[in-house]
Each structure stands twice: as C-alpha cells, then as structure tokens.
C-alpha cells in the first residue's frame, strides 16, 4: 500500500532537492521538476487556459533556475520561489502576446481563476457534503485576489511572506486580503447557520 506524504514532508523533500540542485546535482534537479511540476501547472491554469504557453513558461522557469543555481540563495523556499517565478513569467509572456494590456500594473496581472471544490474538505455524511458545497460557494464568490491568497495559504500551506513574494505584494497586503475574505464569509455565515438548522445537523 502506497503511503501518501504530508505537505510538510513534501516541503522538506523539495528543500532537500533544492539544496542538492544548487550544488549542481542534475538528478536532484530532475526530481525537483517531477515533484513540483503538477503544483506549478495547477497554479498556472488559474491564470490561463493556454496549456502550451503554460508548459513553455514552466520549462523556462526550470531552465532559468538551473542556469542561475550558482547565485541563488539556499534559504529561498523553493515552492514559493517557483510559484512566484511562474507567475511573473506568465505575466510577461501574456503582455508580450498582447493577451492582456493595461496601464495599471495591478490590473495588468492576469485574473486568478479557481473553482474551490468540496472535494478538498473532509466529508463524513451527506449533510457534511451539502455544508461543504455551501462553503465553497462563498469561497468562489470572493474577489480574485482574495481567492488567490486563500488558495495559496490554505490549499498549499504557504506562509504570509511566501504568498507576498508570489503575488508581488507587501506581507501586510496578504494579511488584509485574508482578513477581508474571512470578513466576507463571516457576514454570510448566518446563511450557513440557517442552512445547518434546516438540515437538522
């Protein structure tokens, strides 16, 4: 029976591979690609449906870190660095391709698209399934920037400073986005409470 690794174990493994890669170990570099590719691809899909462009951007990110391995900081969290690099790369490519043009830097960042799913939540019963679906509706109604912050924090276990690096904003701005998301959900929490009461949970 295959034992799934926890997020903490995966992160530790990524850090180990990152350090070995920085030392020039090509085997560990390949392993790092294999262990983080799906994460990058899933994140990139939130910004664009152009899969080929996304794959090219991911390849460029990995080629760049290999070329820069001698000058990269060993203390950089690899997952956050890779996600931030992909986000910037996609933004540049989409600007060059005139897929998204705006004079406003904040607006020029491609829209983040995520469809939160009840499958991410632990489901014990049909009532739990209905409750989880209601919660995901609230998450999906959040503004795009709040969705991205929630996605990175709670679905990828990234810390505030790491999210700030990825989204290219101040750490306090990350806190503000998360707080605004929680405030919005809290305002609608009465709806969920009524929903639970109606179900007789």
Protein backbone atom coordinates (compact mmCIF):
# COMPACT_ATOMS: atom_id res chain seq x y z
CA UNK A 1 0.00 0.00 0.00
CA UNK A 2 1.43 3.36 -1.05
CA UNK A 3 1.75 5.87 1.80
CA UNK A 4 0.97 9.47 0.83
CA UNK A 5 3.35 12.12 2.09
CA UNK A 6 2.07 15.04 4.14
CA UNK A 7 2.53 18.61 2.90
CA UNK A 8 5.26 19.08 5.49
CA UNK A 9 7.13 16.00 4.25
CA UNK A 10 6.77 17.14 0.65
CA UNK A 11 8.12 20.57 1.51
CA UNK A 12 11.09 19.06 3.34
CA UNK A 13 11.82 16.86 0.33
CA UNK A 14 11.59 19.85 -2.01
CA UNK A 15 14.06 21.79 0.17
CA UNK A 16 16.47 18.83 0.14
CA UNK A 17 16.26 18.56 -3.65
CA UNK A 18 16.60 22.35 -3.96
CA UNK A 19 19.84 22.36 -1.98
CA UNK A 20 21.26 19.46 -3.99
CA UNK A 21 20.22 21.14 -7.23
CA UNK A 22 22.03 24.33 -6.20
CA UNK A 23 25.14 22.20 -5.73
CA UNK A 24 24.83 21.07 -9.35
CA UNK A 25 23.19 17.68 -8.85
CA UNK A 26 21.28 17.14 -12.10
CA UNK A 27 19.48 14.04 -10.80
CA UNK A 28 18.01 16.03 -7.90
CA UNK A 29 17.13 18.78 -10.35
CA UNK A 30 15.08 16.30 -12.37
CA UNK A 31 13.45 15.01 -9.18
CA UNK A 32 12.60 18.58 -8.16
CA UNK A 33 10.92 19.10 -11.52
CA UNK A 34 8.93 15.89 -11.14
CA UNK A 35 7.83 16.72 -7.59
CA UNK A 36 6.72 20.31 -8.28
CA UNK A 37 5.52 20.23 -11.89
CA UNK A 38 1.89 19.43 -11.10
CA UNK A 39 1.78 22.14 -8.44
CA UNK A 40 3.05 24.71 -10.93
CA UNK A 41 0.76 23.51 -13.68
CA UNK A 42 -2.33 23.66 -11.47
CA UNK A 43 -1.40 27.14 -10.28
CA UNK A 44 -0.69 28.36 -13.80
CA UNK A 45 -4.05 27.06 -15.02
CA UNK A 46 -5.68 29.57 -12.67
CA UNK A 47 -4.37 32.38 -14.88
CA UNK A 48 -4.66 31.00 -18.40
CA UNK A 49 -6.33 28.24 -20.38
CA UNK A 50 -3.45 28.21 -22.87
CA UNK A 51 -1.82 24.95 -21.79
CA UNK A 52 1.03 25.07 -24.29
CA UNK A 53 2.01 28.59 -23.23
CA UNK A 54 1.86 27.45 -19.60
CA UNK A 55 4.08 24.43 -20.26
CA UNK A 56 6.61 26.65 -22.03
CA UNK A 57 6.61 29.05 -19.07
CA UNK A 58 7.18 26.23 -16.60
CA UNK A 59 10.05 24.91 -18.72
CA UNK A 60 11.57 28.41 -18.88
CA UNK A 61 11.33 28.74 -15.09
CA UNK A 62 13.19 25.49 -14.52
CA UNK A 63 15.83 26.31 -17.13
CA UNK A 64 16.37 29.71 -15.52
CA UNK A 65 16.89 28.33 -12.01
CA UNK A 66 19.34 25.75 -13.35
CA UNK A 67 21.30 28.47 -15.13
CA UNK A 68 21.23 30.69 -12.02
CA UNK A 69 21.87 27.91 -9.48
CA UNK A 70 25.30 29.26 -8.55
CA UNK A 71 23.90 32.61 -7.41
CA UNK A 72 20.55 31.58 -5.91
CA UNK A 73 20.08 31.82 -2.16
CA UNK A 74 19.92 28.42 -0.42
CA UNK A 75 17.46 29.84 2.11
CA UNK A 76 14.82 30.68 -0.51
CA UNK A 77 11.73 28.46 0.00
CA UNK A 78 11.71 26.54 -3.32
CA UNK A 79 7.93 26.16 -3.62
CA UNK A 80 7.28 29.87 -3.13
CA UNK A 81 10.16 30.81 -5.43
CA UNK A 82 8.92 28.55 -8.22
CA UNK A 83 5.34 29.78 -7.96
CA UNK A 84 6.43 33.42 -7.92
CA UNK A 85 8.74 32.85 -10.91
CA UNK A 86 5.96 31.20 -12.89
CA UNK A 87 3.51 33.98 -12.08
CA UNK A 88 5.96 36.64 -13.29
CA UNK A 89 6.91 34.63 -16.38
CA UNK A 90 3.28 34.15 -17.42
CA UNK A 91 2.57 37.82 -16.85
CA UNK A 92 5.47 38.84 -19.12
CA UNK A 93 4.53 36.38 -21.86
CA UNK A 94 0.87 37.41 -21.82
CA UNK A 95 1.88 41.07 -22.05
CA UNK A 96 4.23 40.34 -24.94
CA UNK A 97 1.47 38.44 -26.72
CA UNK A 98 -0.92 41.33 -26.13
CA UNK A 99 -3.30 38.98 -24.40
CA UNK A 100 -3.75 41.35 -21.51
CA UNK A 101 -2.94 45.06 -21.82
CA UNK A 102 -3.44 47.72 -19.17
CA UNK A 103 -1.56 50.76 -17.94
CA UNK A 104 -2.47 49.85 -14.39
CA UNK A 105 0.07 47.35 -13.02
CA UNK A 106 -2.35 45.86 -10.53
CA UNK A 107 -4.99 45.34 -13.23
CA UNK A 108 -2.43 44.05 -15.69
CA UNK A 109 -1.85 40.93 -13.62
CA UNK A 110 -3.89 38.12 -15.24
CA UNK A 111 -7.10 37.24 -13.42
CA UNK A 112 -6.75 34.40 -10.97
CA UNK A 113 -9.36 31.72 -11.59
CA UNK A 114 -10.03 28.95 -9.12
CA UNK A 115 -13.09 26.81 -8.59
CA UNK A 116 -12.91 25.69 -4.99
CA UNK A 117 -14.32 22.21 -4.59
CA UNK A 118 -16.00 20.42 -1.72
CA UNK A 119 -13.66 17.51 -2.50
CA UNK A 120 -10.90 19.43 -0.71
CA UNK A 121 -12.86 19.13 2.52
CA UNK A 122 -13.25 16.06 4.71
CA UNK A 123 -16.71 14.68 4.03
CA UNK A 124 -18.35 12.38 6.57
CA UNK A 125 -22.00 12.43 5.54
CA UNK A 126 -24.49 13.80 3.02
CA UNK A 127 -25.15 16.73 5.36
CA UNK A 128 -21.43 17.46 5.50
CA UNK A 129 -21.34 17.33 1.71
CA UNK A 130 -24.12 19.91 1.46
CA UNK A 131 -22.47 22.14 4.04
CA UNK A 132 -19.10 21.89 2.25
CA UNK A 133 -20.75 22.82 -1.04
CA UNK A 134 -22.29 25.90 0.59
CA UNK A 135 -18.91 26.95 1.96
CA UNK A 136 -17.27 26.52 -1.44
CA UNK A 137 -19.93 28.76 -2.97
CA UNK A 138 -18.87 31.50 -0.54
CA UNK A 139 -15.20 30.95 -1.41
CA UNK A 140 -15.91 31.11 -5.13
CA UNK A 141 -17.76 34.40 -4.68
CA UNK A 142 -14.68 36.11 -3.22
CA UNK A 143 -12.75 38.65 -5.36
CA UNK A 144 -9.96 37.07 -7.43
CA UNK A 145 -7.09 38.42 -5.31
CA UNK A 146 -8.69 37.11 -2.13
CA UNK A 147 -9.25 33.75 -3.80
CA UNK A 148 -5.58 33.55 -4.74
CA UNK A 149 -4.45 34.39 -1.21
CA UNK A 150 -6.82 31.79 0.28
CA UNK A 151 -5.74 29.21 -2.31
CA UNK A 152 -2.04 29.69 -1.55
CA UNK A 153 -2.49 29.85 2.23
CA UNK A 154 -4.92 27.04 2.88
CA UNK A 155 -4.64 24.77 -0.14
CA UNK A 156 -0.85 24.98 -0.48
CA UNK A 157 0.15 25.67 3.15
CA UNK A 158 2.28 28.69 2.27
CA UNK A 159 3.18 31.34 4.84
CA UNK A 160 2.26 35.02 4.59
CA UNK A 161 5.73 36.15 3.47
CA UNK A 162 5.88 33.41 0.83
CA UNK A 163 2.48 34.44 -0.52
CA UNK A 164 3.64 38.06 -0.59
CA UNK A 165 6.64 37.07 -2.72
CA UNK A 166 4.45 35.06 -5.09
CA UNK A 167 1.81 37.76 -5.50
CA UNK A 168 4.45 40.52 -5.52
CA UNK A 169 2.74 42.47 -2.75
CA UNK A 170 3.59 43.53 0.81
CA UNK A 171 3.07 40.89 3.54
CA UNK A 172 0.56 43.18 5.22
CA UNK A 173 -1.43 43.21 1.99
CA UNK A 174 -1.64 39.42 2.18
CA UNK A 175 -3.00 39.71 5.71
CA UNK A 176 -5.50 42.30 4.51
CA UNK A 177 -6.68 40.05 1.69
CA UNK A 178 -7.15 37.08 4.02
CA UNK A 179 -8.88 39.19 6.65
CA UNK A 180 -11.22 40.64 4.02
CA UNK A 181 -12.01 37.12 2.80
CA UNK A 182 -12.80 35.94 6.32
CA UNK A 183 -14.88 39.05 6.98
CA UNK A 184 -16.90 38.45 3.83
CA UNK A 185 -17.51 34.82 4.74
CA UNK A 186 -18.39 35.77 8.30
CA UNK A 187 -21.01 38.24 7.08
CA UNK A 188 -22.71 35.42 5.24
CA UNK A 189 -22.21 32.88 8.00
CA UNK A 190 -25.78 33.38 9.21
CA UNK A 191 -26.91 31.86 5.94
CA UNK A 192 -24.84 28.76 6.66
CA UNK A 193 -26.13 28.57 10.23
CA UNK A 194 -29.70 28.71 8.95
CA UNK A 195 -28.80 26.06 6.39
CA UNK A 196 -27.45 23.78 9.12
CA UNK A 197 -30.56 24.39 11.24
CA UNK A 198 -32.83 23.47 8.32
CA UNK A 199 -30.89 20.24 7.82
CA UNK A 200 -31.20 19.44 11.49
CA UNK A 201 -27.47 18.81 11.90
